[in-house]
Amino acid sequence: MNNVPLSTALSGISAANERLRASAANIANLAASNQNRPSTELTNVDKVPQREINPANEVVEQQSAAYAFVANLKVLQTQLNTTGALLDIKA
C-alpha cells in the first residue's frame, strides 16, 4: 500500500499547525512588547533587526494556516475513505 499521500497530508497538517503557532507567538510578543517599554534601550552591535509585526498580516496568516489545515484534513479523510473502500472491495 502506498502511504505517500497519507504522509503528505500529515506533513501539511504539521506545517499549518506550525504556521499558526508562529503567528500566535508573534501576536503574543506584540502584546508583550507594548507593555511598559523602558524609555532607554541598550544597543547591541550584534543585534539582528527584527521585522515589524503587523497584526493584520498575522490575522491573514492565521486564516491561511487554518484553511491549509482544513484542506489537508480533507485530503487525509479522502485518502482514508479510499483505502477503506478498496479494502471493502477486496474483502
Protein backbone atom coordinates (compact mmCIF):
# COMPACT_ATOMS: atom_id res chain seq x y z
CA MET A 1 0.00 0.00 0.00
CA ASN A 2 1.30 3.45 -0.91
CA ASN A 3 1.47 5.83 2.08
CA VAL A 4 2.85 8.87 0.20
CA PRO A 5 -0.49 10.75 0.07
CA LEU A 6 -1.06 9.94 3.73
CA SER A 7 2.34 11.25 4.80
CA THR A 8 1.94 14.31 2.55
CA ALA A 9 -1.36 15.20 4.21
CA LEU A 10 0.10 14.68 7.68
CA SER A 11 3.10 16.84 6.76
CA GLY A 12 0.76 19.58 5.53
CA ILE A 13 -1.21 19.43 8.78
CA SER A 14 2.01 19.74 10.74
CA ALA A 15 3.18 22.70 8.64
CA ALA A 16 -0.16 24.50 9.04
CA ASN A 17 -0.02 23.91 12.78
CA GLU A 18 3.50 25.37 12.94
CA ARG A 19 2.42 28.44 10.93
CA LEU A 20 -0.48 29.03 13.30
CA ARG A 21 1.76 28.59 16.35
CA ALA A 22 4.36 31.03 15.00
CA SER A 23 1.73 33.63 14.15
CA ALA A 24 0.14 33.32 17.59
CA ALA A 25 3.57 33.77 19.16
CA ASN A 26 4.08 36.92 17.07
CA ILE A 27 0.78 38.34 18.31
CA ALA A 28 1.66 37.45 21.91
CA ASN A 29 5.08 39.08 21.54
CA LEU A 30 3.48 42.18 20.06
CA ALA A 31 1.14 42.48 23.04
CA ALA A 32 4.00 41.95 25.49
CA SER A 33 6.26 44.47 23.76
CA ASN A 34 3.65 47.22 24.08
CA GLN A 35 3.57 46.98 27.88
CA ASN A 36 5.75 49.34 29.89
CA ARG A 37 8.56 49.83 27.42
CA PRO A 38 11.58 51.47 29.01
CA SER A 39 12.45 54.93 27.75
CA THR A 40 16.05 53.95 27.05
CA GLU A 41 17.20 50.79 25.39
CA LEU A 42 20.62 49.23 25.39
CA THR A 43 22.17 48.92 21.97
CA ASN A 44 23.89 45.82 20.79
CA VAL A 45 26.08 45.78 17.71
CA ASP A 46 25.28 42.13 17.01
CA LYS A 47 21.54 42.62 17.38
CA VAL A 48 19.67 41.47 14.28
CA PRO A 49 16.86 43.83 13.32
CA GLN A 50 13.51 42.10 13.62
CA ARG A 51 10.71 42.62 11.17
CA GLU A 52 7.86 44.75 12.40
CA ILE A 53 4.85 42.66 13.35
CA ASN A 54 1.69 43.81 11.63
CA PRO A 55 -1.44 42.46 13.38
CA ALA A 56 -3.42 42.50 10.12
CA ASN A 57 -0.79 40.33 8.43
CA GLU A 58 -0.84 37.93 11.36
CA VAL A 59 -4.63 37.56 11.16
CA VAL A 60 -4.32 36.76 7.45
CA GLU A 61 -1.55 34.27 8.23
CA GLN A 62 -3.71 32.59 10.87
CA GLN A 63 -6.67 32.35 8.49
CA SER A 64 -4.42 30.96 5.75
CA ALA A 65 -2.97 28.38 8.14
CA ALA A 66 -6.47 27.37 9.24
CA TYR A 67 -7.57 26.87 5.62
CA ALA A 68 -4.42 24.84 4.88
CA PHE A 69 -5.11 22.73 7.98
CA VAL A 70 -8.69 22.00 6.90
CA ALA A 71 -7.64 21.28 3.31
CA ASN A 72 -5.04 18.77 4.47
CA LEU A 73 -7.59 17.16 6.78
CA LYS A 74 -9.91 16.73 3.79
CA VAL A 75 -7.08 15.12 1.80
CA LEU A 76 -6.38 12.78 4.71
CA GLN A 77 -10.08 11.94 5.07
CA THR A 78 -10.38 11.22 1.34
CA GLN A 79 -7.30 9.01 1.41
CA LEU A 80 -8.64 7.03 4.38
CA ASN A 81 -12.08 6.69 2.77
CA THR A 82 -10.49 5.48 -0.48
CA THR A 83 -8.35 2.97 1.37
CA GLY A 84 -11.42 1.73 3.26
CA ALA A 85 -13.39 1.36 0.02
CA LEU A 86 -10.54 -0.60 -1.57
CA LEU A 87 -10.37 -2.89 1.45
CA ASP A 88 -14.15 -3.44 1.25
CA ILE A 89 -13.87 -4.35 -2.45
CA LYS A 90 -11.06 -6.84 -1.82
CA ALA A 91 -12.79 -8.42 1.18
